[in-house]
Amino acid sequence: MKIAKVGSIIEFREGLTGVVEKVNENSVIVDLTYMENFRDLDLDRRTVVNHKNYKIVKDSFS
């Protein structure tokens, strides 16, 4: 399993996408405001996603 890095864009839970802000041992903290329709979805600004539950859409090059 490849683990995302800070700045990576990930997809999870049926099409939600976001930018990784912090990498923890078992999860990442994701900024959801990256999505164009963020305001329409009425979601919190950030969420936690387990490493098993996302795929990397665009890798960070930092």
PDB file of N, CA and C in Angstrom:
ATOM      1  N   MET A   1       0.846  -1.174   0.000  1.00  0.00           N
ATOM      2  CA  MET A   1       0.000   0.000   0.000  1.00  0.00           C
ATOM      3  C   MET A   1       0.895   1.242   0.000  1.00  0.00           C
ATOM      4  N   LYS A   2       0.621   2.145  -0.924  1.00  0.00           N
ATOM      5  CA  LYS A   2       1.380   3.380  -1.000  1.00  0.00           C
ATOM      6  C   LYS A   2       0.699   4.432  -0.124  1.00  0.00           C
ATOM      7  N   ILE A   3       1.474   5.093   0.710  1.00  0.00           N
ATOM      8  CA  ILE A   3       0.939   6.106   1.623  1.00  0.00           C
ATOM      9  C   ILE A   3       1.122   7.484   1.008  1.00  0.00           C
ATOM     10  N   ALA A   4       0.067   8.289   1.067  1.00  0.00           N
ATOM     11  CA  ALA A   4       0.101   9.643   0.521  1.00  0.00           C
ATOM     12  C   ALA A   4       1.050  10.521   1.338  1.00  0.00           C
ATOM     13  N   LYS A   5       1.512  11.587   0.706  1.00  0.00           N
ATOM     14  CA  LYS A   5       2.370  12.569   1.363  1.00  0.00           C
ATOM     15  C   LYS A   5       1.603  13.882   1.488  1.00  0.00           C
ATOM     16  N   VAL A   6       2.110  14.789   2.300  1.00  0.00           N
ATOM     17  CA  VAL A   6       1.509  16.114   2.416  1.00  0.00           C
ATOM     18  C   VAL A   6       1.509  16.757   1.029  1.00  0.00           C
ATOM     19  N   GLY A   7       0.351  17.262   0.626  1.00  0.00           N
ATOM     20  CA  GLY A   7       0.213  17.885  -0.687  1.00  0.00           C
ATOM     21  C   GLY A   7      -0.360  16.968  -1.741  1.00  0.00           C
ATOM     22  N   SER A   8      -0.416  15.664  -1.471  1.00  0.00           N
ATOM     23  CA  SER A   8      -1.005  14.723  -2.425  1.00  0.00           C
ATOM     24  C   SER A   8      -2.512  14.933  -2.502  1.00  0.00           C
ATOM     25  N   ILE A   9      -3.075  14.650  -3.661  1.00  0.00           N
ATOM     26  CA  ILE A   9      -4.523  14.693  -3.833  1.00  0.00           C
ATOM     27  C   ILE A   9      -5.012  13.255  -3.799  1.00  0.00           C
ATOM     28  N   ILE A  10      -6.001  12.998  -2.935  1.00  0.00           N
ATOM     29  CA  ILE A  10      -6.515  11.643  -2.801  1.00  0.00           C
ATOM     30  C   ILE A  10      -8.013  11.611  -3.076  1.00  0.00           C
ATOM     31  N   GLU A  11      -8.490  10.414  -3.410  1.00  0.00           N
ATOM     32  CA  GLU A  11      -9.915  10.177  -3.612  1.00  0.00           C
ATOM     33  C   GLU A  11     -10.348   9.113  -2.623  1.00  0.00           C
ATOM     34  N   PHE A  12     -11.527   9.291  -2.046  1.00  0.00           N
ATOM     35  CA  PHE A  12     -12.030   8.347  -1.057  1.00  0.00           C
ATOM     36  C   PHE A  12     -13.544   8.416  -1.026  1.00  0.00           C
ATOM     37  N   ARG A  13     -14.143   7.504  -0.335  1.00  0.00           N
ATOM     38  CA  ARG A  13     -15.584   7.454  -0.103  1.00  0.00           C
ATOM     39  C   ARG A  13     -16.431   7.896  -1.296  1.00  0.00           C
ATOM     40  N   GLU A  14     -16.413   7.113  -2.356  1.00  0.00           N
ATOM     41  CA  GLU A  14     -17.290   7.324  -3.511  1.00  0.00           C
ATOM     42  C   GLU A  14     -17.115   8.677  -4.186  1.00  0.00           C
ATOM     43  N   GLY A  15     -15.876   9.059  -4.473  1.00  0.00           N
ATOM     44  CA  GLY A  15     -15.647  10.228  -5.298  1.00  0.00           C
ATOM     45  C   GLY A  15     -15.268  11.514  -4.601  1.00  0.00           C
ATOM     46  N   LEU A  16     -15.221  11.542  -3.288  1.00  0.00           N
ATOM     47  CA  LEU A  16     -14.748  12.753  -2.611  1.00  0.00           C
ATOM     48  C   LEU A  16     -13.244  12.876  -2.824  1.00  0.00           C
ATOM     49  N   THR A  17     -12.770  14.091  -3.013  1.00  0.00           N
ATOM     50  CA  THR A  17     -11.336  14.324  -3.186  1.00  0.00           C
ATOM     51  C   THR A  17     -10.888  15.424  -2.247  1.00  0.00           C
ATOM     52  N   GLY A  18      -9.591  15.417  -1.958  1.00  0.00           N
ATOM     53  CA  GLY A  18      -9.040  16.446  -1.095  1.00  0.00           C
ATOM     54  C   GLY A  18      -7.524  16.412  -1.105  1.00  0.00           C
ATOM     55  N   VAL A  19      -6.947  17.414  -0.457  1.00  0.00           N
ATOM     56  CA  VAL A  19      -5.501  17.556  -0.378  1.00  0.00           C
ATOM     57  C   VAL A  19      -5.040  17.125   1.008  1.00  0.00           C
ATOM     58  N   VAL A  20      -4.034  16.276   1.062  1.00  0.00           N
ATOM     59  CA  VAL A  20      -3.507  15.789   2.337  1.00  0.00           C
ATOM     60  C   VAL A  20      -2.770  16.927   3.046  1.00  0.00           C
ATOM     61  N   GLU A  21      -3.175  17.199   4.283  1.00  0.00           N
ATOM     62  CA  GLU A  21      -2.527  18.239   5.092  1.00  0.00           C
ATOM     63  C   GLU A  21      -1.548  17.658   6.099  1.00  0.00           C
ATOM     64  N   LYS A  22      -1.837  16.461   6.591  1.00  0.00           N
ATOM     65  CA  LYS A  22      -0.974  15.843   7.594  1.00  0.00           C
ATOM     66  C   LYS A  22      -1.056  14.329   7.455  1.00  0.00           C
ATOM     67  N   VAL A  23       0.085  13.671   7.618  1.00  0.00           N
ATOM     68  CA  VAL A  23       0.145  12.210   7.558  1.00  0.00           C
ATOM     69  C   VAL A  23       0.397  11.685   8.962  1.00  0.00           C
ATOM     70  N   ASN A  24      -0.498  10.819   9.434  1.00  0.00           N
ATOM     71  CA  ASN A  24      -0.352  10.171  10.728  1.00  0.00           C
ATOM     72  C   ASN A  24       0.026   8.706  10.511  1.00  0.00           C
ATOM     73  N   GLU A  25       0.220   7.974  11.585  1.00  0.00           N
ATOM     74  CA  GLU A  25       0.638   6.578  11.480  1.00  0.00           C
ATOM     75  C   GLU A  25      -0.364   5.723  10.707  1.00  0.00           C
ATOM     76  N   ASN A  26      -1.653   5.892  10.998  1.00  0.00           N
ATOM     77  CA  ASN A  26      -2.685   5.063  10.377  1.00  0.00           C
ATOM     78  C   ASN A  26      -3.648   5.814   9.471  1.00  0.00           C
ATOM     79  N   SER A  27      -3.472   7.129   9.345  1.00  0.00           N
ATOM     80  CA  SER A  27      -4.438   7.923   8.598  1.00  0.00           C
ATOM     81  C   SER A  27      -3.822   9.216   8.088  1.00  0.00           C
ATOM     82  N   VAL A  28      -4.617   9.929   7.283  1.00  0.00           N
ATOM     83  CA  VAL A  28      -4.224  11.254   6.816  1.00  0.00           C
ATOM     84  C   VAL A  28      -5.343  12.238   7.151  1.00  0.00           C
ATOM     85  N   ILE A  29      -4.986  13.495   7.338  1.00  0.00           N
ATOM     86  CA  ILE A  29      -5.957  14.566   7.504  1.00  0.00           C
ATOM     87  C   ILE A  29      -6.060  15.266   6.164  1.00  0.00           C
ATOM     88  N   VAL A  30      -7.292  15.405   5.668  1.00  0.00           N
ATOM     89  CA  VAL A  30      -7.530  15.866   4.301  1.00  0.00           C
ATOM     90  C   VAL A  30      -8.339  17.158   4.310  1.00  0.00           C
ATOM     91  N   ASP A  31      -7.905  18.137   3.506  1.00  0.00           N
ATOM     92  CA  ASP A  31      -8.634  19.386   3.293  1.00  0.00           C
ATOM     93  C   ASP A  31      -9.590  19.180   2.126  1.00  0.00           C
ATOM     94  N   LEU A  32     -10.883  19.246   2.386  1.00  0.00           N
ATOM     95  CA  LEU A  32     -11.891  18.978   1.368  1.00  0.00           C
ATOM     96  C   LEU A  32     -12.234  20.201   0.520  1.00  0.00           C
ATOM     97  N   THR A  33     -11.756  21.371   0.886  1.00  0.00           N
ATOM     98  CA  THR A  33     -12.100  22.577   0.125  1.00  0.00           C
ATOM     99  C   THR A  33     -11.492  22.554  -1.272  1.00  0.00           C
ATOM    100  N   TYR A  34     -10.676  21.572  -1.579  1.00  0.00           N
ATOM    101  CA  TYR A  34     -10.101  21.381  -2.910  1.00  0.00           C
ATOM    102  C   TYR A  34     -11.198  21.125  -3.954  1.00  0.00           C
ATOM    103  N   MET A  35     -12.283  20.490  -3.529  1.00  0.00           N
ATOM    104  CA  MET A  35     -13.367  20.143  -4.461  1.00  0.00           C
ATOM    105  C   MET A  35     -14.126  21.397  -4.888  1.00  0.00           C
ATOM    106  N   GLU A  36     -14.450  21.469  -6.165  1.00  0.00           N
ATOM    107  CA  GLU A  36     -15.193  22.620  -6.682  1.00  0.00           C
ATOM    108  C   GLU A  36     -16.578  22.729  -6.059  1.00  0.00           C
ATOM    109  N   ASN A  37     -17.212  21.606  -5.776  1.00  0.00           N
ATOM    110  CA  ASN A  37     -18.568  21.609  -5.224  1.00  0.00           C
ATOM    111  C   ASN A  37     -18.590  21.477  -3.702  1.00  0.00           C
ATOM    112  N   PHE A  38     -17.507  21.851  -3.044  1.00  0.00           N
ATOM    113  CA  PHE A  38     -17.395  21.702  -1.589  1.00  0.00           C
ATOM    114  C   PHE A  38     -18.546  22.387  -0.862  1.00  0.00           C
ATOM    115  N   ARG A  39     -18.855  23.618  -1.218  1.00  0.00           N
ATOM    116  CA  ARG A  39     -19.922  24.370  -0.525  1.00  0.00           C
ATOM    117  C   ARG A  39     -21.294  23.715  -0.721  1.00  0.00           C
ATOM    118  N   ASP A  40     -21.522  23.121  -1.866  1.00  0.00           N
ATOM    119  CA  ASP A  40     -22.809  22.481  -2.142  1.00  0.00           C
ATOM    120  C   ASP A  40     -23.015  21.210  -1.329  1.00  0.00           C
ATOM    121  N   LEU A  41     -21.941  20.547  -0.938  1.00  0.00           N
ATOM    122  CA  LEU A  41     -22.037  19.265  -0.244  1.00  0.00           C
ATOM    123  C   LEU A  41     -22.264  19.394   1.257  1.00  0.00           C
ATOM    124  N   ASP A  42     -22.090  20.574   1.811  1.00  0.00           N
ATOM    125  CA  ASP A  42     -22.307  20.814   3.241  1.00  0.00           C
ATOM    126  C   ASP A  42     -21.481  19.860   4.106  1.00  0.00           C
ATOM    127  N   LEU A  43     -20.169  19.813   3.832  1.00  0.00           N
ATOM    128  CA  LEU A  43     -19.241  18.971   4.572  1.00  0.00           C
ATOM    129  C   LEU A  43     -18.357  19.828   5.476  1.00  0.00           C
ATOM    130  N   ASP A  44     -17.745  19.184   6.466  1.00  0.00           N
ATOM    131  CA  ASP A  44     -16.727  19.860   7.263  1.00  0.00           C
ATOM    132  C   ASP A  44     -15.533  20.155   6.366  1.00  0.00           C
ATOM    133  N   ARG A  45     -14.733  21.140   6.759  1.00  0.00           N
ATOM    134  CA  ARG A  45     -13.564  21.549   5.961  1.00  0.00           C
ATOM    135  C   ARG A  45     -12.504  20.453   5.887  1.00  0.00           C
ATOM    136  N   ARG A  46     -12.343  19.699   6.970  1.00  0.00           N
ATOM    137  CA  ARG A  46     -11.324  18.648   7.027  1.00  0.00           C
ATOM    138  C   ARG A  46     -11.947  17.338   7.490  1.00  0.00           C
ATOM    139  N   THR A  47     -11.275  16.242   7.132  1.00  0.00           N
ATOM    140  CA  THR A  47     -11.691  14.927   7.605  1.00  0.00           C
ATOM    141  C   THR A  47     -10.465  14.033   7.739  1.00  0.00           C
ATOM    142  N   VAL A  48     -10.639  12.930   8.443  1.00  0.00           N
ATOM    143  CA  VAL A  48      -9.575  11.948   8.638  1.00  0.00           C
ATOM    144  C   VAL A  48      -9.921  10.708   7.822  1.00  0.00           C
ATOM    145  N   VAL A  49      -8.932  10.198   7.080  1.00  0.00           N
ATOM    146  CA  VAL A  49      -9.148   9.022   6.244  1.00  0.00           C
ATOM    147  C   VAL A  49      -8.042   8.009   6.529  1.00  0.00           C
ATOM    148  N   ASN A  50      -8.436   6.779   6.811  1.00  0.00           N
ATOM    149  CA  ASN A  50      -7.486   5.696   7.048  1.00  0.00           C
ATOM    150  C   ASN A  50      -6.719   5.401   5.763  1.00  0.00           C
ATOM    151  N   HIS A  51      -5.461   4.999   5.897  1.00  0.00           N
ATOM    152  CA  HIS A  51      -4.625   4.704   4.731  1.00  0.00           C
ATOM    153  C   HIS A  51      -5.251   3.637   3.824  1.00  0.00           C
ATOM    154  N   LYS A  52      -6.035   2.731   4.385  1.00  0.00           N
ATOM    155  CA  LYS A  52      -6.654   1.659   3.600  1.00  0.00           C
ATOM    156  C   LYS A  52      -7.812   2.154   2.738  1.00  0.00           C
ATOM    157  N   ASN A  53      -8.304   3.364   3.020  1.00  0.00           N
ATOM    158  CA  ASN A  53      -9.560   3.808   2.425  1.00  0.00           C
ATOM    159  C   ASN A  53      -9.429   4.921   1.397  1.00  0.00           C
ATOM    160  N   TYR A  54      -8.265   5.107   0.807  1.00  0.00           N
ATOM    161  CA  TYR A  54      -8.128   6.125  -0.232  1.00  0.00           C
ATOM    162  C   TYR A  54      -7.202   5.645  -1.329  1.00  0.00           C
ATOM    163  N   LYS A  55      -7.283   6.329  -2.463  1.00  0.00           N
ATOM    164  CA  LYS A  55      -6.303   6.101  -3.524  1.00  0.00           C
ATOM    165  C   LYS A  55      -5.719   7.461  -3.900  1.00  0.00           C
ATOM    166  N   ILE A  56      -4.451   7.465  -4.263  1.00  0.00           N
ATOM    167  CA  ILE A  56      -3.763   8.694  -4.614  1.00  0.00           C
ATOM    168  C   ILE A  56      -4.091   9.051  -6.053  1.00  0.00           C
ATOM    169  N   VAL A  57      -4.622  10.257  -6.260  1.00  0.00           N
ATOM    170  CA  VAL A  57      -4.962  10.740  -7.583  1.00  0.00           C
ATOM    171  C   VAL A  57      -3.774  11.453  -8.195  1.00  0.00           C
ATOM    172  N   LYS A  58      -3.112  12.293  -7.384  1.00  0.00           N
ATOM    173  CA  LYS A  58      -1.932  13.031  -7.838  1.00  0.00           C
ATOM    174  C   LYS A  58      -0.950  13.073  -6.672  1.00  0.00           C
ATOM    175  N   ASP A  59       0.244  12.573  -6.915  1.00  0.00           N
ATOM    176  CA  ASP A  59       1.265  12.518  -5.876  1.00  0.00           C
ATOM    177  C   ASP A  59       1.893  13.894  -5.635  1.00  0.00           C
ATOM    178  N   SER A  60       2.285  14.125  -4.415  1.00  0.00           N
ATOM    179  CA  SER A  60       3.026  15.343  -4.069  1.00  0.00           C
ATOM    180  C   SER A  60       4.478  15.153  -4.465  1.00  0.00           C
ATOM    181  N   PHE A  61       5.101  16.205  -4.937  1.00  0.00           N
ATOM    182  CA  PHE A  61       6.501  16.109  -5.332  1.00  0.00           C
ATOM    183  C   PHE A  61       7.421  16.804  -4.347  1.00  0.00           C
ATOM    184  N   SER A  62       6.933  16.980  -3.108  1.00  0.00           N
ATOM    185  CA  SER A  62       7.767  17.631  -2.085  1.00  0.00           C
ATOM    186  C   SER A  62       8.596  16.632  -1.340  1.00  0.00           C
TER     187      SER A  62
END
